[in-house]
């Protein structure tokens, strides 16, 4: 089980008030400083505890939260990205070519 929390308003710049993921430890109530999954040490009295995920998440915390990563739906890793369109070819030229355009540099000669 994990807790979600961020620094209280007024204790840090707004850009530092990201939502951290804290592992729930048996001795957490006795600690004055908690360490989220990202490794930052945060004072308990400066924390705003959240009932759910709201606000900007701490990306390192999310990356280190293995439980959430294993329960997340597939996100498309390993599949090739869709083909990129050549910005120098207009929509009209794509229609004339049947939806495809030659991949060429900026010196297109047709």
PDB file of N, CA and C in Angstrom:
ATOM      1  N   UNK A   1       0.840  -1.171   0.000  1.00  0.00           N
ATOM      2  CA  UNK A   1       0.000   0.000   0.000  1.00  0.00           C
ATOM      3  C   UNK A   1       0.893   1.245   0.000  1.00  0.00           C
ATOM      4  N   UNK A   2       0.404   2.281  -0.641  1.00  0.00           N
ATOM      5  CA  UNK A   2       1.182   3.517  -0.726  1.00  0.00           C
ATOM      6  C   UNK A   2       0.313   4.703  -0.305  1.00  0.00           C
ATOM      7  N   UNK A   3       0.971   5.779   0.076  1.00  0.00           N
ATOM      8  CA  UNK A   3       0.325   7.054   0.369  1.00  0.00           C
ATOM      9  C   UNK A   3       0.735   8.055  -0.691  1.00  0.00           C
ATOM     10  N   UNK A   4      -0.155   8.991  -0.985  1.00  0.00           N
ATOM     11  CA  UNK A   4       0.146  10.062  -1.926  1.00  0.00           C
ATOM     12  C   UNK A   4       0.159  11.384  -1.178  1.00  0.00           C
ATOM     13  N   UNK A   5       1.179  12.190  -1.416  1.00  0.00           N
ATOM     14  CA  UNK A   5       1.261  13.473  -0.737  1.00  0.00           C
ATOM     15  C   UNK A   5       2.157  14.448  -1.478  1.00  0.00           C
ATOM     16  N   UNK A   6       1.952  15.708  -1.179  1.00  0.00           N
ATOM     17  CA  UNK A   6       2.782  16.774  -1.747  1.00  0.00           C
ATOM     18  C   UNK A   6       3.007  17.819  -0.668  1.00  0.00           C
ATOM     19  N   UNK A   7       3.941  18.704  -0.912  1.00  0.00           N
ATOM     20  CA  UNK A   7       4.224  19.772   0.046  1.00  0.00           C
ATOM     21  C   UNK A   7       3.026  20.716   0.153  1.00  0.00           C
ATOM     22  N   UNK A   8       2.759  21.201   1.361  1.00  0.00           N
ATOM     23  CA  UNK A   8       1.640  22.113   1.591  1.00  0.00           C
ATOM     24  C   UNK A   8       1.873  23.430   0.855  1.00  0.00           C
ATOM     25  N   UNK A   9       0.794  24.122   0.480  1.00  0.00           N
ATOM     26  CA  UNK A   9       0.950  25.442  -0.127  1.00  0.00           C
ATOM     27  C   UNK A   9       1.703  26.377   0.815  1.00  0.00           C
ATOM     28  N   UNK A  10       2.625  27.135   0.266  1.00  0.00           N
ATOM     29  CA  UNK A  10       3.403  28.075   1.064  1.00  0.00           C
ATOM     30  C   UNK A  10       4.696  27.504   1.616  1.00  0.00           C
ATOM     31  N   UNK A  11       4.887  26.189   1.553  1.00  0.00           N
ATOM     32  CA  UNK A  11       6.123  25.601   2.064  1.00  0.00           C
ATOM     33  C   UNK A  11       7.181  25.461   0.985  1.00  0.00           C
ATOM     34  N   UNK A  12       6.774  25.576  -0.278  1.00  0.00           N
ATOM     35  CA  UNK A  12       7.722  25.448  -1.392  1.00  0.00           C
ATOM     36  C   UNK A  12       7.147  26.150  -2.609  1.00  0.00           C
ATOM     37  N   UNK A  13       7.993  26.381  -3.587  1.00  0.00           N
ATOM     38  CA  UNK A  13       7.509  26.935  -4.849  1.00  0.00           C
ATOM     39  C   UNK A  13       6.492  25.979  -5.457  1.00  0.00           C
ATOM     40  N   UNK A  14       5.555  26.505  -6.214  1.00  0.00           N
ATOM     41  CA  UNK A  14       4.497  25.684  -6.800  1.00  0.00           C
ATOM     42  C   UNK A  14       5.058  24.581  -7.700  1.00  0.00           C
ATOM     43  N   UNK A  15       6.167  24.843  -8.359  1.00  0.00           N
ATOM     44  CA  UNK A  15       6.772  23.839  -9.235  1.00  0.00           C
ATOM     45  C   UNK A  15       7.332  22.643  -8.468  1.00  0.00           C
ATOM     46  N   UNK A  16       7.585  22.803  -7.166  1.00  0.00           N
ATOM     47  CA  UNK A  16       8.096  21.700  -6.335  1.00  0.00           C
ATOM     48  C   UNK A  16       6.988  20.932  -5.650  1.00  0.00           C
ATOM     49  N   UNK A  17       5.735  21.367  -5.809  1.00  0.00           N
ATOM     50  CA  UNK A  17       4.613  20.715  -5.135  1.00  0.00           C
ATOM     51  C   UNK A  17       4.059  19.572  -5.988  1.00  0.00           C
ATOM     52  N   UNK A  18       4.920  18.639  -6.329  1.00  0.00           N
ATOM     53  CA  UNK A  18       4.487  17.481  -7.105  1.00  0.00           C
ATOM     54  C   UNK A  18       3.997  16.396  -6.153  1.00  0.00           C
ATOM     55  N   UNK A  19       3.165  15.511  -6.671  1.00  0.00           N
ATOM     56  CA  UNK A  19       2.592  14.442  -5.856  1.00  0.00           C
ATOM     57  C   UNK A  19       3.583  13.288  -5.797  1.00  0.00           C
ATOM     58  N   UNK A  20       4.032  12.969  -4.579  1.00  0.00           N
ATOM     59  CA  UNK A  20       4.989  11.896  -4.350  1.00  0.00           C
ATOM     60  C   UNK A  20       4.264  10.621  -3.930  1.00  0.00           C
ATOM     61  N   UNK A  21       4.913   9.494  -4.174  1.00  0.00           N
ATOM     62  CA  UNK A  21       4.397   8.183  -3.765  1.00  0.00           C
ATOM     63  C   UNK A  21       5.243   7.699  -2.589  1.00  0.00           C
ATOM     64  N   UNK A  22       4.583   7.479  -1.448  1.00  0.00           N
ATOM     65  CA  UNK A  22       5.257   7.037  -0.235  1.00  0.00           C
ATOM     66  C   UNK A  22       4.860   5.593   0.060  1.00  0.00           C
ATOM     67  N   UNK A  23       5.838   4.701   0.249  1.00  0.00           N
ATOM     68  CA  UNK A  23       5.472   3.348   0.690  1.00  0.00           C
ATOM     69  C   UNK A  23       4.973   3.414   2.131  1.00  0.00           C
ATOM     70  N   UNK A  24       3.922   2.689   2.426  1.00  0.00           N
ATOM     71  CA  UNK A  24       3.362   2.693   3.766  1.00  0.00           C
ATOM     72  C   UNK A  24       4.172   1.755   4.651  1.00  0.00           C
ATOM     73  N   UNK A  25       4.891   2.341   5.600  1.00  0.00           N
ATOM     74  CA  UNK A  25       5.744   1.582   6.512  1.00  0.00           C
ATOM     75  C   UNK A  25       5.085   1.491   7.880  1.00  0.00           C
ATOM     76  N   UNK A  26       5.327   0.413   8.634  1.00  0.00           N
ATOM     77  CA  UNK A  26       4.707   0.273   9.957  1.00  0.00           C
ATOM     78  C   UNK A  26       5.089   1.384  10.924  1.00  0.00           C
ATOM     79  N   UNK A  27       6.303   1.905  10.838  1.00  0.00           N
ATOM     80  CA  UNK A  27       6.758   2.942  11.783  1.00  0.00           C
ATOM     81  C   UNK A  27       6.625   4.352  11.212  1.00  0.00           C
ATOM     82  N   UNK A  28       5.792   4.560  10.195  1.00  0.00           N
ATOM     83  CA  UNK A  28       5.694   5.861   9.537  1.00  0.00           C
ATOM     84  C   UNK A  28       5.179   6.951  10.471  1.00  0.00           C
ATOM     85  N   UNK A  29       4.314   6.601  11.431  1.00  0.00           N
ATOM     86  CA  UNK A  29       3.769   7.620  12.324  1.00  0.00           C
ATOM     87  C   UNK A  29       4.820   8.208  13.257  1.00  0.00           C
ATOM     88  N   UNK A  30       5.858   7.464  13.535  1.00  0.00           N
ATOM     89  CA  UNK A  30       6.894   7.931  14.468  1.00  0.00           C
ATOM     90  C   UNK A  30       7.976   8.753  13.774  1.00  0.00           C
ATOM     91  N   UNK A  31       7.998   8.772  12.464  1.00  0.00           N
ATOM     92  CA  UNK A  31       9.064   9.462  11.734  1.00  0.00           C
ATOM     93  C   UNK A  31       8.750  10.940  11.551  1.00  0.00           C
ATOM     94  N   UNK A  32       9.770  11.786  11.600  1.00  0.00           N
ATOM     95  CA  UNK A  32       9.613  13.217  11.358  1.00  0.00           C
ATOM     96  C   UNK A  32       9.870  13.555   9.893  1.00  0.00           C
ATOM     97  N   UNK A  33      10.612  12.693   9.212  1.00  0.00           N
ATOM     98  CA  UNK A  33      10.941  12.889   7.803  1.00  0.00           C
ATOM     99  C   UNK A  33      10.610  11.597   7.066  1.00  0.00           C
ATOM    100  N   UNK A  34       9.882  11.718   5.970  1.00  0.00           N
ATOM    101  CA  UNK A  34       9.554  10.555   5.147  1.00  0.00           C
ATOM    102  C   UNK A  34      10.291  10.627   3.822  1.00  0.00           C
ATOM    103  N   UNK A  35      10.590   9.480   3.265  1.00  0.00           N
ATOM    104  CA  UNK A  35      11.284   9.409   1.983  1.00  0.00           C
ATOM    105  C   UNK A  35      10.379   8.732   0.958  1.00  0.00           C
ATOM    106  N   UNK A  36       9.927   9.477  -0.062  1.00  0.00           N
ATOM    107  CA  UNK A  36       9.120   8.846  -1.105  1.00  0.00           C
ATOM    108  C   UNK A  36       9.990   7.974  -2.010  1.00  0.00           C
ATOM    109  N   UNK A  37       9.373   7.349  -2.984  1.00  0.00           N
ATOM    110  CA  UNK A  37      10.097   6.442  -3.867  1.00  0.00           C
ATOM    111  C   UNK A  37      11.206   7.134  -4.660  1.00  0.00           C
ATOM    112  N   UNK A  38      11.094   8.454  -4.874  1.00  0.00           N
ATOM    113  CA  UNK A  38      12.125   9.179  -5.631  1.00  0.00           C
ATOM    114  C   UNK A  38      13.387   9.417  -4.806  1.00  0.00           C
ATOM    115  N   UNK A  39      13.302   9.264  -3.464  1.00  0.00           N
ATOM    116  CA  UNK A  39      14.474   9.430  -2.612  1.00  0.00           C
ATOM    117  C   UNK A  39      14.589  10.781  -1.938  1.00  0.00           C
ATOM    118  N   UNK A  40      13.729  11.733  -2.267  1.00  0.00           N
ATOM    119  CA  UNK A  40      13.775  13.052  -1.629  1.00  0.00           C
ATOM    120  C   UNK A  40      13.296  12.925  -0.182  1.00  0.00           C
ATOM    121  N   UNK A  41      13.939  13.616   0.734  1.00  0.00           N
ATOM    122  CA  UNK A  41      13.537  13.560   2.146  1.00  0.00           C
ATOM    123  C   UNK A  41      12.608  14.742   2.427  1.00  0.00           C
ATOM    124  N   UNK A  42      11.383  14.446   2.890  1.00  0.00           N
ATOM    125  CA  UNK A  42      10.373  15.475   3.088  1.00  0.00           C
ATOM    126  C   UNK A  42       9.860  15.445   4.526  1.00  0.00           C
ATOM    127  N   UNK A  43       9.783  16.622   5.189  1.00  0.00           N
ATOM    128  CA  UNK A  43       9.274  16.674   6.566  1.00  0.00           C
ATOM    129  C   UNK A  43       7.780  16.346   6.605  1.00  0.00           C
ATOM    130  N   UNK A  44       7.383  15.533   7.556  1.00  0.00           N
ATOM    131  CA  UNK A  44       5.985  15.108   7.675  1.00  0.00           C
ATOM    132  C   UNK A  44       5.067  16.307   7.901  1.00  0.00           C
ATOM    133  N   UNK A  45       5.498  17.272   8.733  1.00  0.00           N
ATOM    134  CA  UNK A  45       4.617  18.411   9.046  1.00  0.00           C
ATOM    135  C   UNK A  45       4.385  19.320   7.837  1.00  0.00           C
ATOM    136  N   UNK A  46       5.213  19.216   6.803  1.00  0.00           N
ATOM    137  CA  UNK A  46       5.041  20.033   5.598  1.00  0.00           C
ATOM    138  C   UNK A  46       4.226  19.336   4.517  1.00  0.00           C
ATOM    139  N   UNK A  47       3.717  18.133   4.805  1.00  0.00           N
ATOM    140  CA  UNK A  47       3.042  17.346   3.779  1.00  0.00           C
ATOM    141  C   UNK A  47       1.532  17.570   3.783  1.00  0.00           C
ATOM    142  N   UNK A  48       0.968  17.587   2.585  1.00  0.00           N
ATOM    143  CA  UNK A  48      -0.475  17.601   2.369  1.00  0.00           C
ATOM    144  C   UNK A  48      -0.822  16.218   1.817  1.00  0.00           C
ATOM    145  N   UNK A  49      -1.565  15.412   2.586  1.00  0.00           N
ATOM    146  CA  UNK A  49      -1.892  14.047   2.171  1.00  0.00           C
ATOM    147  C   UNK A  49      -3.120  14.074   1.289  1.00  0.00           C
ATOM    148  N   UNK A  50      -3.089  13.305   0.225  1.00  0.00           N
ATOM    149  CA  UNK A  50      -4.147  13.331  -0.784  1.00  0.00           C
ATOM    150  C   UNK A  50      -4.928  12.018  -0.796  1.00  0.00           C
ATOM    151  N   UNK A  51      -6.254  12.097  -1.031  1.00  0.00           N
ATOM    152  CA  UNK A  51      -7.060  10.872  -1.087  1.00  0.00           C
ATOM    153  C   UNK A  51      -6.893  10.114  -2.406  1.00  0.00           C
ATOM    154  N   UNK A  52      -6.395  10.781  -3.424  1.00  0.00           N
ATOM    155  CA  UNK A  52      -6.210  10.151  -4.730  1.00  0.00           C
ATOM    156  C   UNK A  52      -5.226  10.950  -5.550  1.00  0.00           C
ATOM    157  N   UNK A  53      -5.020  10.533  -6.774  1.00  0.00           N
ATOM    158  CA  UNK A  53      -4.046  11.202  -7.633  1.00  0.00           C
ATOM    159  C   UNK A  53      -4.637  12.481  -8.199  1.00  0.00           C
ATOM    160  N   UNK A  54      -4.203  13.597  -7.662  1.00  0.00           N
ATOM    161  CA  UNK A  54      -4.576  14.909  -8.164  1.00  0.00           C
ATOM    162  C   UNK A  54      -3.302  15.735  -8.236  1.00  0.00           C
ATOM    163  N   UNK A  55      -3.201  16.592  -9.212  1.00  0.00           N
ATOM    164  CA  UNK A  55      -2.019  17.426  -9.346  1.00  0.00           C
ATOM    165  C   UNK A  55      -0.935  16.768 -10.185  1.00  0.00           C
ATOM    166  N   UNK A  56       0.178  17.447 -10.288  1.00  0.00           N
ATOM    167  CA  UNK A  56       1.303  16.998 -11.097  1.00  0.00           C
ATOM    168  C   UNK A  56       2.062  15.893 -10.371  1.00  0.00           C
ATOM    169  N   UNK A  57       2.214  14.711 -10.992  1.00  0.00           N
ATOM    170  CA  UNK A  57       2.935  13.626 -10.317  1.00  0.00           C
ATOM    171  C   UNK A  57       4.446  13.819 -10.352  1.00  0.00           C
ATOM    172  N   UNK A  58       5.115  13.264  -9.370  1.00  0.00           N
ATOM    173  CA  UNK A  58       6.577  13.210  -9.353  1.00  0.00           C
ATOM    174  C   UNK A  58       6.973  12.063 -10.292  1.00  0.00           C
ATOM    175  N   UNK A  59       7.598  12.390 -11.396  1.00  0.00           N
ATOM    176  CA  UNK A  59       7.931  11.365 -12.391  1.00  0.00           C
ATOM    177  C   UNK A  59       8.882  10.297 -11.858  1.00  0.00           C
ATOM    178  N   UNK A  60       9.935  10.648 -11.101  1.00  0.00           N
ATOM    179  CA  UNK A  60      10.781   9.581 -10.551  1.00  0.00           C
ATOM    180  C   UNK A  60      10.015   8.633  -9.621  1.00  0.00           C
ATOM    181  N   UNK A  61       9.060   9.146  -8.846  1.00  0.00           N
ATOM    182  CA  UNK A  61       8.248   8.274  -7.994  1.00  0.00           C
ATOM    183  C   UNK A  61       7.441   7.302  -8.844  1.00  0.00           C
ATOM    184  N   UNK A  62       6.854   7.809  -9.915  1.00  0.00           N
ATOM    185  CA  UNK A  62       6.062   6.938 -10.782  1.00  0.00           C
ATOM    186  C   UNK A  62       6.926   5.880 -11.449  1.00  0.00           C
ATOM    187  N   UNK A  63       8.123   6.253 -11.853  1.00  0.00           N
ATOM    188  CA  UNK A  63       9.010   5.304 -12.517  1.00  0.00           C
ATOM    189  C   UNK A  63       9.458   4.199 -11.567  1.00  0.00           C
ATOM    190  N   UNK A  64       9.563   4.517 -10.278  1.00  0.00           N
ATOM    191  CA  UNK A  64      10.044   3.536  -9.306  1.00  0.00           C
ATOM    192  C   UNK A  64       8.912   2.751  -8.645  1.00  0.00           C
ATOM    193  N   UNK A  65       7.676   3.089  -8.962  1.00  0.00           N
ATOM    194  CA  UNK A  65       6.536   2.392  -8.373  1.00  0.00           C
ATOM    195  C   UNK A  65       6.260   1.138  -9.197  1.00  0.00           C
ATOM    196  N   UNK A  66       6.950   0.046  -8.893  1.00  0.00           N
ATOM    197  CA  UNK A  66       6.834  -1.187  -9.659  1.00  0.00           C
ATOM    198  C   UNK A  66       5.443  -1.773  -9.647  1.00  0.00           C
ATOM    199  N   UNK A  67       4.725  -1.626  -8.549  1.00  0.00           N
ATOM    200  CA  UNK A  67       3.376  -2.193  -8.461  1.00  0.00           C
ATOM    201  C   UNK A  67       2.461  -1.545  -9.482  1.00  0.00           C
ATOM    202  N   UNK A  68       2.520  -0.212  -9.595  1.00  0.00           N
ATOM    203  CA  UNK A  68       1.669   0.471 -10.563  1.00  0.00           C
ATOM    204  C   UNK A  68       2.081   0.125 -11.981  1.00  0.00           C
ATOM    205  N   UNK A  69       3.375  -0.051 -12.198  1.00  0.00           N
ATOM    206  CA  UNK A  69       3.842  -0.358 -13.546  1.00  0.00           C
ATOM    207  C   UNK A  69       3.393  -1.738 -13.988  1.00  0.00           C
ATOM    208  N   UNK A  70       3.335  -2.710 -13.061  1.00  0.00           N
ATOM    209  CA  UNK A  70       2.932  -4.053 -13.442  1.00  0.00           C
ATOM    210  C   UNK A  70       1.428  -4.163 -13.612  1.00  0.00           C
ATOM    211  N   UNK A  71       0.649  -3.271 -12.999  1.00  0.00           N
ATOM    212  CA  UNK A  71      -0.795  -3.321 -13.122  1.00  0.00           C
ATOM    213  C   UNK A  71      -1.325  -2.389 -14.198  1.00  0.00           C
ATOM    214  N   UNK A  72      -0.467  -1.601 -14.783  1.00  0.00           N
ATOM    215  CA  UNK A  72      -0.911  -0.655 -15.801  1.00  0.00           C
ATOM    216  C   UNK A  72      -1.227  -1.391 -17.096  1.00  0.00           C
ATOM    217  N   UNK A  73      -2.168  -0.877 -17.888  1.00  0.00           N
ATOM    218  CA  UNK A  73      -2.455  -1.516 -19.170  1.00  0.00           C
ATOM    219  C   UNK A  73      -1.283  -1.341 -20.121  1.00  0.00           C
ATOM    220  N   UNK A  74      -1.163  -2.182 -21.135  1.00  0.00           N
ATOM    221  CA  UNK A  74      -0.055  -2.034 -22.087  1.00  0.00           C
ATOM    222  C   UNK A  74      -0.073  -0.645 -22.705  1.00  0.00           C
ATOM    223  N   UNK A  75       1.101  -0.047 -22.822  1.00  0.00           N
ATOM    224  CA  UNK A  75       1.165   1.320 -23.318  1.00  0.00           C
ATOM    225  C   UNK A  75       1.809   1.422 -24.689  1.00  0.00           C
ATOM    226  N   UNK A  76       2.054   0.307 -25.351  1.00  0.00           N
ATOM    227  CA  UNK A  76       2.557   0.366 -26.703  1.00  0.00           C
ATOM    228  C   UNK A  76       4.057   0.318 -26.823  1.00  0.00           C
ATOM    229  N   UNK A  77       4.787   0.043 -25.731  1.00  0.00           N
ATOM    230  CA  UNK A  77       6.235  -0.074 -25.858  1.00  0.00           C
ATOM    231  C   UNK A  77       6.554  -1.266 -26.749  1.00  0.00           C
ATOM    232  N   UNK A  78       7.506  -1.127 -27.617  1.00  0.00           N
ATOM    233  CA  UNK A  78       7.886  -2.206 -28.504  1.00  0.00           C
ATOM    234  C   UNK A  78       7.195  -2.143 -29.850  1.00  0.00           C
ATOM    235  N   UNK A  79       6.193  -1.305 -29.981  1.00  0.00           N
ATOM    236  CA  UNK A  79       5.538  -1.162 -31.275  1.00  0.00           C
ATOM    237  C   UNK A  79       6.117   0.051 -31.973  1.00  0.00           C
ATOM    238  N   UNK A  80       6.296  -0.023 -33.287  1.00  0.00           N
ATOM    239  CA  UNK A  80       6.874   1.127 -33.986  1.00  0.00           C
ATOM    240  C   UNK A  80       5.909   2.297 -33.993  1.00  0.00           C
ATOM    241  N   UNK A  81       6.433   3.518 -33.979  1.00  0.00           N
ATOM    242  CA  UNK A  81       5.564   4.691 -34.031  1.00  0.00           C
ATOM    243  C   UNK A  81       4.920   4.791 -35.411  1.00  0.00           C
ATOM    244  N   UNK A  82       3.794   5.503 -35.508  1.00  0.00           N
ATOM    245  CA  UNK A  82       3.174   5.667 -36.821  1.00  0.00           C
ATOM    246  C   UNK A  82       4.095   6.457 -37.740  1.00  0.00           C
ATOM    247  N   UNK A  83       3.977   6.244 -39.051  1.00  0.00           N
ATOM    248  CA  UNK A  83       4.857   6.970 -39.971  1.00  0.00           C
ATOM    249  C   UNK A  83       4.618   8.469 -39.880  1.00  0.00           C
ATOM    250  N   UNK A  84       5.702   9.218 -39.939  1.00  0.00           N
ATOM    251  CA  UNK A  84       5.612  10.675 -39.874  1.00  0.00           C
ATOM    252  C   UNK A  84       5.401  11.226 -41.264  1.00  0.00           C
ATOM    253  N   UNK A  85       4.607  12.247 -41.349  1.00  0.00           N
ATOM    254  CA  UNK A  85       4.366  12.888 -42.639  1.00  0.00           C
ATOM    255  C   UNK A  85       5.442  13.918 -42.916  1.00  0.00           C
ATOM    256  N   UNK A  86       5.785  14.024 -44.163  1.00  0.00           N
ATOM    257  CA  UNK A  86       6.769  15.017 -44.588  1.00  0.00           C
ATOM    258  C   UNK A  86       6.096  16.389 -44.551  1.00  0.00           C
ATOM    259  N   UNK A  87       6.582  17.327 -43.734  1.00  0.00           N
ATOM    260  CA  UNK A  87       5.918  18.627 -43.625  1.00  0.00           C
ATOM    261  C   UNK A  87       6.002  19.457 -44.900  1.00  0.00           C
ATOM    262  N   UNK A  88       6.885  19.084 -45.815  1.00  0.00           N
ATOM    263  CA  UNK A  88       6.995  19.851 -47.055  1.00  0.00           C
ATOM    264  C   UNK A  88       5.982  19.412 -48.100  1.00  0.00           C
ATOM    265  N   UNK A  89       5.227  18.332 -47.835  1.00  0.00           N
ATOM    266  CA  UNK A  89       4.225  17.846 -48.776  1.00  0.00           C
ATOM    267  C   UNK A  89       2.856  18.297 -48.279  1.00  0.00           C
ATOM    268  N   UNK A  90       2.095  18.960 -49.143  1.00  0.00           N
ATOM    269  CA  UNK A  90       0.787  19.473 -48.754  1.00  0.00           C
ATOM    270  C   UNK A  90      -0.252  18.359 -48.766  1.00  0.00           C
ATOM    271  N   UNK A  91      -1.396  18.641 -48.153  1.00  0.00           N
ATOM    272  CA  UNK A  91      -2.496  17.671 -48.141  1.00  0.00           C
ATOM    273  C   UNK A  91      -2.967  17.396 -49.570  1.00  0.00           C
ATOM    274  N   UNK A  92      -2.971  18.426 -50.414  1.00  0.00           N
ATOM    275  CA  UNK A  92      -3.368  18.246 -51.816  1.00  0.00           C
ATOM    276  C   UNK A  92      -2.421  17.277 -52.530  1.00  0.00           C
ATOM    277  N   UNK A  93      -1.116  17.431 -52.299  1.00  0.00           N
ATOM    278  CA  UNK A  93      -0.152  16.533 -52.927  1.00  0.00           C
ATOM    279  C   UNK A  93      -0.312  15.105 -52.411  1.00  0.00           C
ATOM    280  N   UNK A  94      -0.644  14.946 -51.136  1.00  0.00           N
ATOM    281  CA  UNK A  94      -0.866  13.599 -50.592  1.00  0.00           C
ATOM    282  C   UNK A  94      -2.075  12.942 -51.247  1.00  0.00           C
ATOM    283  N   UNK A  95      -3.152  13.727 -51.474  1.00  0.00           N
ATOM    284  CA  UNK A  95      -4.331  13.173 -52.136  1.00  0.00           C
ATOM    285  C   UNK A  95      -4.000  12.742 -53.554  1.00  0.00           C
ATOM    286  N   UNK A  96      -3.194  13.532 -54.264  1.00  0.00           N
ATOM    287  CA  UNK A  96      -2.814  13.182 -55.630  1.00  0.00           C
ATOM    288  C   UNK A  96      -1.980  11.903 -55.671  1.00  0.00           C
ATOM    289  N   UNK A  97      -1.185  11.690 -54.634  1.00  0.00           N
ATOM    290  CA  UNK A  97      -0.320  10.517 -54.588  1.00  0.00           C
ATOM    291  C   UNK A  97      -1.019   9.306 -53.958  1.00  0.00           C
ATOM    292  N   UNK A  98      -2.299   9.429 -53.643  1.00  0.00           N
ATOM    293  CA  UNK A  98      -3.018   8.307 -53.068  1.00  0.00           C
ATOM    294  C   UNK A  98      -2.762   8.110 -51.587  1.00  0.00           C
ATOM    295  N   UNK A  99      -2.502   9.176 -50.870  1.00  0.00           N
ATOM    296  CA  UNK A  99      -2.311   9.077 -49.436  1.00  0.00           C
ATOM    297  C   UNK A  99      -0.869   8.894 -49.010  1.00  0.00           C
ATOM    298  N   UNK A 100       0.031   8.657 -49.927  1.00  0.00           N
ATOM    299  CA  UNK A 100       1.436   8.502 -49.564  1.00  0.00           C
ATOM    300  C   UNK A 100       2.239   9.583 -50.251  1.00  0.00           C
ATOM    301  N   UNK A 101       3.355   9.887 -49.692  1.00  0.00           N
ATOM    302  CA  UNK A 101       4.241  10.890 -50.270  1.00  0.00           C
ATOM    303  C   UNK A 101       5.659  10.359 -50.222  1.00  0.00           C
ATOM    304  N   UNK A 102       6.457  10.696 -51.211  1.00  0.00           N
ATOM    305  CA  UNK A 102       7.842  10.242 -51.166  1.00  0.00           C
ATOM    306  C   UNK A 102       8.583  10.907 -50.018  1.00  0.00           C
ATOM    307  N   UNK A 103       9.463  10.161 -49.390  1.00  0.00           N
ATOM    308  CA  UNK A 103      10.255  10.770 -48.328  1.00  0.00           C
ATOM    309  C   UNK A 103      11.471  11.419 -48.971  1.00  0.00           C
ATOM    310  N   UNK A 104      11.472  12.712 -48.943  1.00  0.00           N
ATOM    311  CA  UNK A 104      12.552  13.472 -49.569  1.00  0.00           C
ATOM    312  C   UNK A 104      12.896  14.644 -48.679  1.00  0.00           C
ATOM    313  N   UNK A 105      14.015  15.234 -48.944  1.00  0.00           N
ATOM    314  CA  UNK A 105      14.452  16.393 -48.169  1.00  0.00           C
ATOM    315  C   UNK A 105      13.723  17.625 -48.632  1.00  0.00           C
ATOM    316  N   UNK A 106      14.216  18.794 -48.285  1.00  0.00           N
ATOM    317  CA  UNK A 106      13.541  20.038 -48.630  1.00  0.00           C
ATOM    318  C   UNK A 106      13.558  20.346 -50.115  1.00  0.00           C
ATOM    319  N   UNK A 107      14.404  19.704 -50.922  1.00  0.00           N
ATOM    320  CA  UNK A 107      14.469  20.009 -52.355  1.00  0.00           C
ATOM    321  C   UNK A 107      13.617  19.024 -53.153  1.00  0.00           C
ATOM    322  N   UNK A 108      12.287  19.068 -52.958  1.00  0.00           N
ATOM    323  CA  UNK A 108      11.382  18.180 -53.687  1.00  0.00           C
ATOM    324  C   UNK A 108      11.250  18.660 -55.123  1.00  0.00           C
ATOM    325  N   UNK A 109      11.458  17.795 -56.043  1.00  0.00           N
ATOM    326  CA  UNK A 109      11.267  18.118 -57.461  1.00  0.00           C
ATOM    327  C   UNK A 109      10.268  17.123 -58.026  1.00  0.00           C
ATOM    328  N   UNK A 110       9.121  17.602 -58.443  1.00  0.00           N
ATOM    329  CA  UNK A 110       8.077  16.719 -58.992  1.00  0.00           C
ATOM    330  C   UNK A 110       7.787  17.061 -60.400  1.00  0.00           C
TER     331      UNK A 110
END
